[in-house]
């Protein structure tokens, strides 16, 4: 089943993001290589794809996990969590409607 992982950044998280980014991206690439990642990316703090020093306010990941518990365990092990980037992470079941998914 798909799960959405909404993560909200702490204030001034940009330096922490930069430090933990390689390990964070590596985990996302692993999901992608296993055909489990639907999408992933950060939320810029300003209306720009390159927010510079404004940084980011959080991230969204939509991925396939066997269960909610597996999604929660995966999210807890995220390098951004360990680095203190995120102040809160919410995980919910997600039903993809569009684009249609072949079953």
Protein backbone atom coordinates (compact mmCIF):
# COMPACT_ATOMS: atom_id res chain seq x y z
CA UNK A 1 0.00 0.00 0.00
CA UNK A 2 1.08 3.57 -0.57
CA UNK A 3 1.81 5.90 2.33
CA UNK A 4 2.39 9.65 2.40
CA UNK A 5 5.13 10.85 4.69
CA UNK A 6 4.79 14.55 5.53
CA UNK A 7 7.78 15.94 7.41
CA UNK A 8 7.97 19.44 8.84
CA UNK A 9 11.32 21.16 9.33
CA UNK A 10 12.65 22.79 12.46
CA UNK A 11 13.63 26.45 12.15
CA UNK A 12 17.02 27.05 10.50
CA UNK A 13 17.26 23.46 9.25
CA UNK A 14 19.21 24.25 6.08
CA UNK A 15 22.69 23.45 7.47
CA UNK A 16 21.38 20.22 8.99
CA UNK A 17 19.77 19.27 5.67
CA UNK A 18 23.03 19.85 3.81
CA UNK A 19 24.93 17.62 6.22
CA UNK A 20 22.47 14.71 6.13
CA UNK A 21 21.35 15.01 2.48
CA UNK A 22 23.65 12.38 0.90
CA UNK A 23 22.42 9.65 3.26
CA UNK A 24 18.80 10.82 2.93
CA UNK A 25 18.98 10.72 -0.89
CA UNK A 26 20.65 7.30 -0.83
CA UNK A 27 17.64 5.85 1.03
CA UNK A 28 15.24 7.42 -1.44
CA UNK A 29 17.24 6.04 -4.37
CA UNK A 30 16.98 2.58 -2.81
CA UNK A 31 13.18 2.90 -2.70
CA UNK A 32 13.22 4.07 -6.32
CA UNK A 33 15.44 1.20 -7.47
CA UNK A 34 13.00 -1.21 -5.84
CA UNK A 35 10.04 0.42 -7.66
CA UNK A 36 8.52 1.56 -4.37
CA UNK A 37 8.90 5.36 -4.69
CA UNK A 38 6.10 7.39 -6.27
CA UNK A 39 7.54 10.83 -5.53
CA UNK A 40 9.74 12.67 -3.08
CA UNK A 41 10.87 16.23 -2.59
CA UNK A 42 11.15 19.22 -0.28
CA UNK A 43 8.81 22.17 0.20
CA UNK A 44 10.71 25.41 -0.51
CA UNK A 45 10.10 28.12 2.08
CA UNK A 46 9.49 30.65 -0.70
CA UNK A 47 7.85 30.45 -4.12
CA UNK A 48 10.99 29.29 -5.89
CA UNK A 49 12.53 25.97 -6.89
CA UNK A 50 15.86 27.34 -5.62
CA UNK A 51 15.02 29.02 -2.29
CA UNK A 52 18.65 29.68 -1.32
CA UNK A 53 19.05 30.76 2.29
CA UNK A 54 15.25 30.72 2.78
CA UNK A 55 15.57 26.94 2.84
CA UNK A 56 12.73 24.49 3.14
CA UNK A 57 9.73 24.01 5.41
CA UNK A 58 9.45 20.25 5.06
CA UNK A 59 9.29 17.31 2.68
CA UNK A 60 6.81 14.92 1.11
CA UNK A 61 7.46 11.29 0.24
CA UNK A 62 4.89 8.93 -1.26
CA UNK A 63 6.08 5.34 -1.33
CA UNK A 64 4.94 1.73 -1.14
CA UNK A 65 5.38 -0.13 2.13
CA UNK A 66 3.97 -3.46 3.33
CA UNK A 67 2.22 -1.77 6.27
CA UNK A 68 1.80 1.48 8.16
CA UNK A 69 4.21 0.14 10.78
CA UNK A 70 6.85 -0.47 8.10
CA UNK A 71 6.38 3.07 6.77
CA UNK A 72 6.71 4.47 10.30
CA UNK A 73 9.88 2.47 10.97
CA UNK A 74 11.39 3.56 7.66
CA UNK A 75 10.59 7.22 8.40
CA UNK A 76 12.03 7.03 11.93
CA UNK A 77 15.34 5.82 10.48
CA UNK A 78 15.63 8.75 8.05
CA UNK A 79 18.96 10.59 8.37
CA UNK A 80 17.05 13.90 8.46
CA UNK A 81 15.31 12.70 11.64
CA UNK A 82 18.62 11.73 13.24
CA UNK A 83 20.17 15.08 12.20
CA UNK A 84 17.33 17.11 13.75
CA UNK A 85 16.00 18.48 10.45
CA UNK A 86 12.42 17.48 11.16
CA UNK A 87 10.31 18.60 14.12
CA UNK A 88 7.34 16.45 13.16
CA UNK A 89 6.62 13.56 10.78
CA UNK A 90 3.10 12.43 9.85
CA UNK A 91 2.46 9.18 7.99
CA UNK A 92 -0.88 8.30 6.45
CA UNK A 93 -2.22 5.68 4.05
CA UNK A 94 -2.44 7.14 0.54
CA UNK A 95 -4.75 6.18 -2.31
CA UNK A 96 -3.44 7.20 -5.70
CA UNK A 97 -6.28 8.14 -8.05
CA UNK A 98 -4.45 10.02 -10.82
CA UNK A 99 -2.53 9.22 -12.80
CA UNK A 100 -4.13 5.79 -12.79
CA UNK A 101 -2.05 2.90 -11.53
CA UNK A 102 -2.12 -0.35 -13.46
CA UNK A 103 -3.05 -3.22 -11.20
